């Protein structure tokens, strides 16, 4: 695999809107996540949701949100846990290693965002096997916690920060 261009992962800014509106996920992937435009709109209604963009060179390749107060909705008692939601890579940029590289960068990003963060948590639909494999490869653990989501069973993955 060719060397990846360096990634820039940062908080969303208004000047990202032009790129966000052209973001593409096929329907079979979009059912598992929220498109960046929805992530940004949700963050305007809830300041605990912080949208992030992922760029390679001048291309928006991905998006996600970190939620500072929502892990407890999924039975996570740790008040220092951040919830990763709506993680996706634009379909035109998939299979290049961007997802794994981003996930591997998250612990440092989370600590930078909120210094006492000691855990990252995410949910993934039970039928989304490729995502489950990706999260495991990035060091997230399935500890057996589950919840019934809007579209069926969701697995809860954990990443303990040092």
N, C-alpha and C. Protein backbone atom coordinates (compact mmCIF):
# COMPACT_ATOMS: atom_id res chain seq x y z
N UNK A 1 0.85 -1.19 0.00
CA UNK A 1 0.00 0.00 0.00
C UNK A 1 0.89 1.24 0.00
N UNK A 2 0.54 2.20 -0.81
CA UNK A 2 1.30 3.44 -0.89
C UNK A 2 1.19 4.21 0.42
N UNK A 3 2.19 5.01 0.69
CA UNK A 3 2.21 5.83 1.90
C UNK A 3 1.07 6.84 1.86
N UNK A 4 0.35 6.94 2.97
CA UNK A 4 -0.75 7.91 3.06
C UNK A 4 -0.23 9.33 3.15
N UNK A 5 -0.96 10.23 2.52
CA UNK A 5 -0.67 11.65 2.74
C UNK A 5 -0.99 11.94 4.20
N UNK A 6 -0.30 12.86 4.84
CA UNK A 6 -0.59 13.18 6.23
C UNK A 6 -2.05 13.59 6.40
N UNK A 7 -2.63 13.14 7.51
CA UNK A 7 -4.01 13.52 7.82
C UNK A 7 -4.03 14.73 8.73
N UNK A 8 -5.02 15.56 8.53
CA UNK A 8 -5.30 16.66 9.44
C UNK A 8 -6.66 16.37 10.05
N UNK A 9 -6.68 16.22 11.37
CA UNK A 9 -7.93 15.97 12.09
C UNK A 9 -8.14 17.18 12.99
N UNK A 10 -9.27 17.86 12.79
CA UNK A 10 -9.52 19.07 13.56
C UNK A 10 -11.02 19.27 13.73
N UNK A 11 -11.35 20.19 14.62
CA UNK A 11 -12.75 20.54 14.81
C UNK A 11 -13.30 21.14 13.53
N UNK A 12 -14.55 20.85 13.28
CA UNK A 12 -15.26 21.42 12.14
C UNK A 12 -15.24 22.95 12.23
N UNK A 13 -15.14 23.60 11.07
CA UNK A 13 -15.25 25.05 10.95
C UNK A 13 -16.21 25.36 9.80
N UNK A 14 -16.80 26.51 9.84
CA UNK A 14 -17.81 26.91 8.85
C UNK A 14 -17.28 26.76 7.42
N UNK A 15 -15.99 27.01 7.20
CA UNK A 15 -15.44 26.91 5.84
C UNK A 15 -15.35 25.47 5.33
N UNK A 16 -15.71 24.48 6.17
CA UNK A 16 -15.77 23.09 5.72
C UNK A 16 -17.08 22.77 5.01
N UNK A 17 -18.07 23.67 5.10
CA UNK A 17 -19.40 23.39 4.58
C UNK A 17 -19.41 23.00 3.10
N UNK A 18 -18.64 23.65 2.29
CA UNK A 18 -18.63 23.33 0.85
C UNK A 18 -18.20 21.89 0.61
N UNK A 19 -17.26 21.39 1.41
CA UNK A 19 -16.80 20.01 1.26
C UNK A 19 -17.81 19.03 1.84
N UNK A 20 -18.42 19.41 2.93
CA UNK A 20 -19.38 18.55 3.62
C UNK A 20 -20.59 18.26 2.74
N UNK A 21 -21.04 19.24 1.99
CA UNK A 21 -22.23 19.03 1.17
C UNK A 21 -21.98 18.06 0.02
N UNK A 22 -20.72 17.83 -0.34
CA UNK A 22 -20.43 16.88 -1.42
C UNK A 22 -19.92 15.53 -0.89
N UNK A 23 -20.00 15.33 0.41
CA UNK A 23 -19.56 14.07 1.04
C UNK A 23 -20.42 12.93 0.52
N UNK A 24 -19.82 11.78 0.30
CA UNK A 24 -20.58 10.66 -0.28
C UNK A 24 -20.41 9.37 0.51
N UNK A 25 -21.55 8.79 0.87
CA UNK A 25 -21.60 7.44 1.41
C UNK A 25 -22.73 6.71 0.69
N UNK A 26 -22.48 5.49 0.20
CA UNK A 26 -23.57 4.73 -0.40
C UNK A 26 -24.60 4.34 0.68
N UNK A 27 -25.80 4.07 0.25
CA UNK A 27 -26.89 3.80 1.18
C UNK A 27 -26.57 2.64 2.13
N UNK A 28 -25.89 1.61 1.63
CA UNK A 28 -25.60 0.46 2.50
C UNK A 28 -24.61 0.80 3.61
N UNK A 29 -23.93 1.92 3.51
CA UNK A 29 -23.07 2.40 4.60
C UNK A 29 -23.74 3.50 5.40
N UNK A 30 -24.49 4.34 4.71
CA UNK A 30 -25.14 5.48 5.37
C UNK A 30 -26.14 5.03 6.42
N UNK A 31 -26.64 3.80 6.32
CA UNK A 31 -27.60 3.33 7.34
C UNK A 31 -26.94 3.17 8.71
N UNK A 32 -25.63 3.10 8.75
CA UNK A 32 -24.92 2.87 10.01
C UNK A 32 -24.42 4.15 10.68
N UNK A 33 -24.54 5.27 10.04
CA UNK A 33 -23.93 6.48 10.57
C UNK A 33 -24.74 7.71 10.17
N UNK A 34 -24.27 8.86 10.60
CA UNK A 34 -24.88 10.13 10.18
C UNK A 34 -23.93 10.81 9.22
N UNK A 35 -24.48 11.43 8.20
CA UNK A 35 -23.65 12.18 7.28
C UNK A 35 -23.12 13.44 7.97
N UNK A 36 -21.97 13.95 7.53
CA UNK A 36 -21.37 15.11 8.18
C UNK A 36 -22.32 16.30 8.36
N UNK A 37 -23.15 16.56 7.38
CA UNK A 37 -24.08 17.69 7.49
C UNK A 37 -25.00 17.51 8.69
N UNK A 38 -25.47 16.28 8.92
CA UNK A 38 -26.32 16.00 10.09
C UNK A 38 -25.54 16.11 11.39
N UNK A 39 -24.29 15.69 11.36
CA UNK A 39 -23.43 15.78 12.55
C UNK A 39 -23.27 17.25 12.95
N UNK A 40 -23.01 18.10 11.98
CA UNK A 40 -22.84 19.53 12.24
C UNK A 40 -24.15 20.13 12.76
N UNK A 41 -25.26 19.81 12.11
CA UNK A 41 -26.56 20.33 12.54
C UNK A 41 -26.87 19.92 13.97
N UNK A 42 -26.59 18.67 14.33
CA UNK A 42 -26.84 18.19 15.70
C UNK A 42 -25.97 18.95 16.70
N UNK A 43 -24.74 19.27 16.30
CA UNK A 43 -23.84 19.97 17.23
C UNK A 43 -24.32 21.39 17.53
N UNK A 44 -25.08 21.96 16.61
CA UNK A 44 -25.61 23.31 16.85
C UNK A 44 -26.70 23.29 17.92
N UNK A 45 -27.31 22.14 18.12
CA UNK A 45 -28.38 21.99 19.11
C UNK A 45 -27.88 21.46 20.44
N UNK A 46 -26.67 20.92 20.46
CA UNK A 46 -26.13 20.29 21.66
C UNK A 46 -24.62 20.54 21.73
N UNK A 47 -24.22 21.44 22.62
CA UNK A 47 -22.79 21.81 22.69
C UNK A 47 -21.90 20.68 23.19
N UNK A 48 -22.49 19.59 23.71
CA UNK A 48 -21.66 18.46 24.14
C UNK A 48 -21.22 17.60 22.95
N UNK A 49 -21.74 17.89 21.75
CA UNK A 49 -21.35 17.20 20.53
C UNK A 49 -20.36 18.08 19.76
N UNK A 50 -19.17 17.55 19.58
CA UNK A 50 -18.12 18.33 18.92
C UNK A 50 -17.78 17.64 17.59
N UNK A 51 -18.15 18.26 16.46
CA UNK A 51 -17.86 17.64 15.17
C UNK A 51 -16.40 17.85 14.76
N UNK A 52 -15.84 16.82 14.14
CA UNK A 52 -14.47 16.86 13.63
C UNK A 52 -14.46 16.49 12.16
N UNK A 53 -13.51 17.03 11.45
CA UNK A 53 -13.30 16.70 10.04
C UNK A 53 -11.91 16.10 9.88
N UNK A 54 -11.79 15.27 8.86
CA UNK A 54 -10.53 14.59 8.56
C UNK A 54 -10.16 14.95 7.12
N UNK A 55 -9.01 15.55 6.95
CA UNK A 55 -8.55 15.94 5.62
C UNK A 55 -7.26 15.20 5.29
N UNK A 56 -7.13 14.86 4.02
CA UNK A 56 -5.87 14.41 3.45
C UNK A 56 -5.59 15.36 2.30
N UNK A 57 -4.48 16.05 2.39
CA UNK A 57 -4.20 17.15 1.45
C UNK A 57 -5.38 18.11 1.53
N UNK A 58 -6.01 18.41 0.40
CA UNK A 58 -7.13 19.34 0.39
C UNK A 58 -8.47 18.63 0.28
N UNK A 59 -8.49 17.34 0.56
CA UNK A 59 -9.71 16.55 0.40
C UNK A 59 -10.30 16.18 1.75
N UNK A 60 -11.58 16.46 1.93
CA UNK A 60 -12.29 15.99 3.11
C UNK A 60 -12.49 14.49 2.93
N UNK A 61 -11.87 13.70 3.81
CA UNK A 61 -11.97 12.25 3.66
C UNK A 61 -12.84 11.62 4.73
N UNK A 62 -13.13 12.35 5.81
CA UNK A 62 -13.93 11.74 6.87
C UNK A 62 -14.47 12.74 7.86
N UNK A 63 -15.28 12.21 8.75
CA UNK A 63 -15.95 13.04 9.75
C UNK A 63 -16.33 12.17 10.95
N UNK A 64 -16.45 12.78 12.10
CA UNK A 64 -16.95 12.11 13.30
C UNK A 64 -17.30 13.17 14.32
N UNK A 65 -17.92 12.74 15.40
CA UNK A 65 -18.21 13.64 16.51
C UNK A 65 -17.75 12.99 17.80
N UNK A 66 -17.28 13.81 18.71
CA UNK A 66 -17.00 13.37 20.07
C UNK A 66 -18.06 14.01 20.96
N UNK A 67 -18.65 13.20 21.80
CA UNK A 67 -19.70 13.66 22.71
C UNK A 67 -19.15 13.62 24.13
N UNK A 68 -19.22 14.72 24.80
CA UNK A 68 -18.60 14.82 26.12
C UNK A 68 -19.48 14.32 27.25
N UNK A 69 -20.79 14.20 27.05
CA UNK A 69 -21.65 13.82 28.17
C UNK A 69 -22.64 12.71 27.83
N UNK A 70 -22.44 11.98 26.76
CA UNK A 70 -23.46 11.02 26.35
C UNK A 70 -23.11 9.56 26.56
N UNK A 71 -21.91 9.24 27.00
CA UNK A 71 -21.56 7.84 27.20
C UNK A 71 -22.49 7.18 28.22
N UNK A 72 -22.95 7.96 29.20
CA UNK A 72 -23.82 7.38 30.23
C UNK A 72 -25.15 6.89 29.65
N UNK A 73 -25.55 7.41 28.49
CA UNK A 73 -26.78 6.93 27.83
C UNK A 73 -26.67 5.45 27.49
N UNK A 74 -25.46 4.95 27.36
CA UNK A 74 -25.23 3.57 26.96
C UNK A 74 -24.76 2.71 28.14
N UNK A 75 -25.00 3.19 29.34
CA UNK A 75 -24.65 2.43 30.53
C UNK A 75 -23.21 2.58 30.96
N UNK A 76 -22.50 3.54 30.41
CA UNK A 76 -21.10 3.76 30.78
C UNK A 76 -21.10 4.68 32.00
N UNK A 77 -20.60 4.18 33.10
CA UNK A 77 -20.60 4.95 34.35
C UNK A 77 -19.42 5.90 34.48
N UNK A 78 -18.43 5.74 33.65
CA UNK A 78 -17.21 6.53 33.73
C UNK A 78 -17.49 7.99 33.30
N UNK A 79 -17.39 8.95 34.23
CA UNK A 79 -17.65 10.34 33.86
C UNK A 79 -16.55 10.96 33.00
N UNK A 80 -15.44 10.26 32.83
CA UNK A 80 -14.32 10.77 32.04
C UNK A 80 -14.23 10.10 30.66
N UNK A 81 -15.32 9.45 30.25
CA UNK A 81 -15.36 8.79 28.94
C UNK A 81 -15.92 9.75 27.89
N UNK A 82 -15.32 9.71 26.71
CA UNK A 82 -15.84 10.42 25.55
C UNK A 82 -16.48 9.40 24.62
N UNK A 83 -17.58 9.78 24.02
CA UNK A 83 -18.29 8.92 23.09
C UNK A 83 -17.97 9.32 21.66
N UNK A 84 -17.50 8.38 20.87
CA UNK A 84 -17.24 8.59 19.45
C UNK A 84 -18.50 8.19 18.69
N UNK A 85 -19.03 9.10 17.89
CA UNK A 85 -20.24 8.82 17.12
C UNK A 85 -20.06 9.29 15.68
N UNK A 86 -20.86 8.69 14.81
CA UNK A 86 -20.98 9.14 13.41
C UNK A 86 -19.64 9.13 12.67
N UNK A 87 -18.79 8.17 12.98
CA UNK A 87 -17.50 8.06 12.30
C UNK A 87 -17.71 7.49 10.90
N UNK A 88 -17.18 8.17 9.91
CA UNK A 88 -17.25 7.65 8.54
C UNK A 88 -16.10 8.21 7.71
N UNK A 89 -15.81 7.47 6.67
CA UNK A 89 -14.86 7.92 5.65
C UNK A 89 -15.64 7.99 4.34
N UNK A 90 -15.53 9.12 3.65
CA UNK A 90 -16.17 9.30 2.35
C UNK A 90 -15.84 8.09 1.48
N UNK A 91 -16.85 7.55 0.81
CA UNK A 91 -16.68 6.33 0.02
C UNK A 91 -15.58 6.46 -1.03
N UNK A 92 -15.36 7.66 -1.53
CA UNK A 92 -14.33 7.87 -2.56
C UNK A 92 -12.92 7.79 -1.99
N UNK A 93 -12.81 7.74 -0.66
CA UNK A 93 -11.50 7.70 -0.01
C UNK A 93 -11.31 6.47 0.87
N UNK A 94 -12.20 5.51 0.76
CA UNK A 94 -12.10 4.31 1.58
C UNK A 94 -11.04 3.35 1.04
N UNK A 95 -10.67 2.41 1.90
CA UNK A 95 -9.69 1.37 1.57
C UNK A 95 -8.29 1.92 1.35
N UNK A 96 -8.00 3.05 2.01
CA UNK A 96 -6.67 3.65 1.89
C UNK A 96 -5.97 3.77 3.25
N UNK A 97 -6.63 3.31 4.31
CA UNK A 97 -6.03 3.35 5.63
C UNK A 97 -6.40 4.57 6.46
N UNK A 98 -7.23 5.45 5.91
CA UNK A 98 -7.59 6.67 6.64
C UNK A 98 -8.36 6.37 7.93
N UNK A 99 -9.25 5.40 7.88
CA UNK A 99 -10.07 5.10 9.07
C UNK A 99 -9.18 4.62 10.21
N UNK A 100 -8.31 3.66 9.94
CA UNK A 100 -7.44 3.14 10.99
C UNK A 100 -6.51 4.22 11.52
N UNK A 101 -5.93 4.98 10.63
CA UNK A 101 -5.00 6.03 11.05
C UNK A 101 -5.72 7.06 11.93
N UNK A 102 -6.96 7.40 11.57
CA UNK A 102 -7.74 8.34 12.38
C UNK A 102 -8.02 7.75 13.75
N UNK A 103 -8.47 6.51 13.79
CA UNK A 103 -8.79 5.88 15.07
C UNK A 103 -7.54 5.78 15.96
N UNK A 104 -6.41 5.54 15.37
CA UNK A 104 -5.17 5.47 16.14
C UNK A 104 -4.75 6.84 16.67
N UNK A 105 -5.22 7.90 16.04
CA UNK A 105 -4.92 9.26 16.48
C UNK A 105 -5.87 9.76 17.57
N UNK A 106 -6.99 9.08 17.73
CA UNK A 106 -8.01 9.56 18.66
C UNK A 106 -7.59 9.65 20.11
N UNK A 107 -6.83 8.71 20.67
CA UNK A 107 -6.45 8.86 22.08
C UNK A 107 -5.74 10.19 22.36
N UNK A 108 -4.78 10.55 21.54
CA UNK A 108 -4.07 11.82 21.76
C UNK A 108 -5.00 13.01 21.56
N UNK A 109 -5.86 12.93 20.56
CA UNK A 109 -6.82 14.00 20.29
C UNK A 109 -7.77 14.17 21.47
N UNK A 110 -8.26 13.06 22.00
CA UNK A 110 -9.19 13.11 23.13
C UNK A 110 -8.53 13.74 24.35
N UNK A 111 -7.29 13.36 24.63
CA UNK A 111 -6.55 13.93 25.76
C UNK A 111 -6.32 15.42 25.57
N UNK A 112 -6.06 15.81 24.34
CA UNK A 112 -5.84 17.23 24.03
C UNK A 112 -7.14 18.01 24.22
N UNK A 113 -8.25 17.42 23.84
CA UNK A 113 -9.55 18.07 23.95
C UNK A 113 -9.97 18.23 25.41
N UNK A 114 -9.89 17.15 26.16
CA UNK A 114 -10.26 17.15 27.58
C UNK A 114 -9.21 16.31 28.31
N UNK A 115 -8.36 16.94 29.06
CA UNK A 115 -7.17 16.28 29.61
C UNK A 115 -7.48 15.11 30.54
N UNK A 116 -8.62 15.12 31.23
CA UNK A 116 -8.89 14.01 32.15
C UNK A 116 -9.68 12.87 31.50
N UNK A 117 -9.82 12.90 30.18
CA UNK A 117 -10.44 11.79 29.46
C UNK A 117 -9.59 10.55 29.67
N UNK A 118 -10.22 9.44 30.05
CA UNK A 118 -9.46 8.20 30.23
C UNK A 118 -10.06 7.02 29.49
N UNK A 119 -11.12 7.27 28.71
CA UNK A 119 -11.74 6.19 27.96
C UNK A 119 -12.48 6.77 26.75
N UNK A 120 -12.38 6.05 25.64
CA UNK A 120 -13.20 6.33 24.46
C UNK A 120 -14.19 5.19 24.32
N UNK A 121 -15.42 5.54 23.98
CA UNK A 121 -16.48 4.55 23.83
C UNK A 121 -17.16 4.80 22.49
N UNK A 122 -17.58 3.73 21.84
CA UNK A 122 -18.35 3.86 20.61
C UNK A 122 -19.37 2.74 20.54
N UNK A 123 -20.37 2.94 19.71
CA UNK A 123 -21.35 1.90 19.47
C UNK A 123 -21.29 1.53 18.00
N UNK A 124 -21.58 0.27 17.72
CA UNK A 124 -21.57 -0.21 16.34
C UNK A 124 -22.68 -1.25 16.20
N UNK A 125 -23.41 -1.16 15.10
CA UNK A 125 -24.52 -2.07 14.86
C UNK A 125 -24.00 -3.50 14.73
N UNK A 126 -24.77 -4.44 15.25
CA UNK A 126 -24.32 -5.84 15.28
C UNK A 126 -24.09 -6.42 13.89
N UNK A 127 -24.69 -5.86 12.86
CA UNK A 127 -24.49 -6.38 11.50
C UNK A 127 -23.34 -5.71 10.76
N UNK A 128 -22.74 -4.69 11.36
CA UNK A 128 -21.67 -3.96 10.69
C UNK A 128 -20.32 -4.60 11.02
N UNK A 129 -20.10 -5.75 10.45
CA UNK A 129 -18.89 -6.55 10.74
C UNK A 129 -17.61 -5.82 10.32
N UNK A 130 -17.55 -5.19 9.13
CA UNK A 130 -16.31 -4.49 8.77
C UNK A 130 -15.93 -3.42 9.79
N UNK A 131 -16.90 -2.68 10.31
CA UNK A 131 -16.60 -1.66 11.32
C UNK A 131 -16.12 -2.31 12.61
N UNK A 132 -16.75 -3.39 13.02
CA UNK A 132 -16.32 -4.08 14.24
C UNK A 132 -14.87 -4.54 14.10
N UNK A 133 -14.51 -5.07 12.95
CA UNK A 133 -13.14 -5.52 12.72
C UNK A 133 -12.16 -4.35 12.74
N UNK A 134 -12.57 -3.24 12.14
CA UNK A 134 -11.73 -2.04 12.13
C UNK A 134 -11.49 -1.54 13.55
N UNK A 135 -12.55 -1.43 14.33
CA UNK A 135 -12.42 -0.93 15.71
C UNK A 135 -11.52 -1.84 16.54
N UNK A 136 -11.67 -3.15 16.36
CA UNK A 136 -10.81 -4.09 17.09
C UNK A 136 -9.35 -3.91 16.68
N UNK A 137 -9.11 -3.77 15.39
CA UNK A 137 -7.74 -3.58 14.89
C UNK A 137 -7.12 -2.31 15.46
N UNK A 138 -7.96 -1.29 15.70
CA UNK A 138 -7.48 -0.01 16.24
C UNK A 138 -7.30 -0.05 17.75
N UNK A 139 -7.64 -1.17 18.39
CA UNK A 139 -7.42 -1.30 19.83
C UNK A 139 -8.67 -1.15 20.69
N UNK A 140 -9.83 -0.97 20.08
CA UNK A 140 -11.07 -0.92 20.85
C UNK A 140 -11.47 -2.34 21.22
N UNK A 141 -12.08 -2.49 22.39
CA UNK A 141 -12.47 -3.80 22.88
C UNK A 141 -13.98 -3.92 23.03
N UNK A 142 -14.49 -5.06 22.61
CA UNK A 142 -15.89 -5.41 22.85
C UNK A 142 -15.91 -6.17 24.17
N UNK A 143 -16.44 -5.53 25.22
CA UNK A 143 -16.48 -6.16 26.54
C UNK A 143 -17.83 -6.82 26.82
N UNK A 144 -18.64 -6.97 25.78
CA UNK A 144 -19.91 -7.66 25.92
C UNK A 144 -21.10 -6.78 26.26
N UNK A 145 -20.90 -5.48 26.39
CA UNK A 145 -22.02 -4.59 26.68
C UNK A 145 -22.83 -4.38 25.40
N UNK A 146 -24.16 -4.38 25.54
CA UNK A 146 -25.07 -4.22 24.41
C UNK A 146 -26.19 -3.27 24.79
N UNK A 147 -26.85 -2.71 23.79
CA UNK A 147 -28.08 -1.97 24.02
C UNK A 147 -28.92 -2.08 22.76
N UNK A 148 -30.20 -1.88 22.94
CA UNK A 148 -31.13 -1.97 21.81
C UNK A 148 -31.25 -0.59 21.18
N UNK A 149 -30.68 -0.42 20.02
CA UNK A 149 -30.73 0.85 19.31
C UNK A 149 -31.99 0.96 18.47
N UNK A 150 -32.11 2.07 17.82
CA UNK A 150 -33.29 2.33 16.97
C UNK A 150 -33.44 1.28 15.87
N UNK A 151 -32.32 0.74 15.38
CA UNK A 151 -32.35 -0.22 14.29
C UNK A 151 -31.84 -1.60 14.69
N UNK A 152 -31.88 -1.91 15.98
CA UNK A 152 -31.46 -3.23 16.45
C UNK A 152 -30.31 -3.15 17.42
N UNK A 153 -29.77 -4.31 17.72
CA UNK A 153 -28.73 -4.42 18.73
C UNK A 153 -27.45 -3.68 18.33
N UNK A 154 -26.92 -2.95 19.30
CA UNK A 154 -25.66 -2.23 19.14
C UNK A 154 -24.64 -2.80 20.12
N UNK A 155 -23.42 -2.98 19.66
CA UNK A 155 -22.32 -3.39 20.50
C UNK A 155 -21.60 -2.14 20.99
N UNK A 156 -21.11 -2.18 22.21
CA UNK A 156 -20.37 -1.06 22.77
C UNK A 156 -18.90 -1.45 22.86
N UNK A 157 -18.08 -0.67 22.22
CA UNK A 157 -16.63 -0.90 22.22
C UNK A 157 -15.96 0.15 23.10
N UNK A 158 -14.87 -0.26 23.76
CA UNK A 158 -14.16 0.60 24.71
C UNK A 158 -12.68 0.68 24.31
N UNK A 159 -12.10 1.85 24.56
CA UNK A 159 -10.65 2.03 24.42
C UNK A 159 -10.19 2.76 25.67
N UNK A 160 -9.41 2.09 26.48
CA UNK A 160 -8.92 2.67 27.73
C UNK A 160 -7.67 3.49 27.42
N UNK A 161 -7.68 4.75 27.83
CA UNK A 161 -6.53 5.62 27.63
C UNK A 161 -5.60 5.51 28.84
N UNK A 162 -4.33 5.65 28.60
CA UNK A 162 -3.34 5.56 29.69
C UNK A 162 -3.42 6.76 30.61
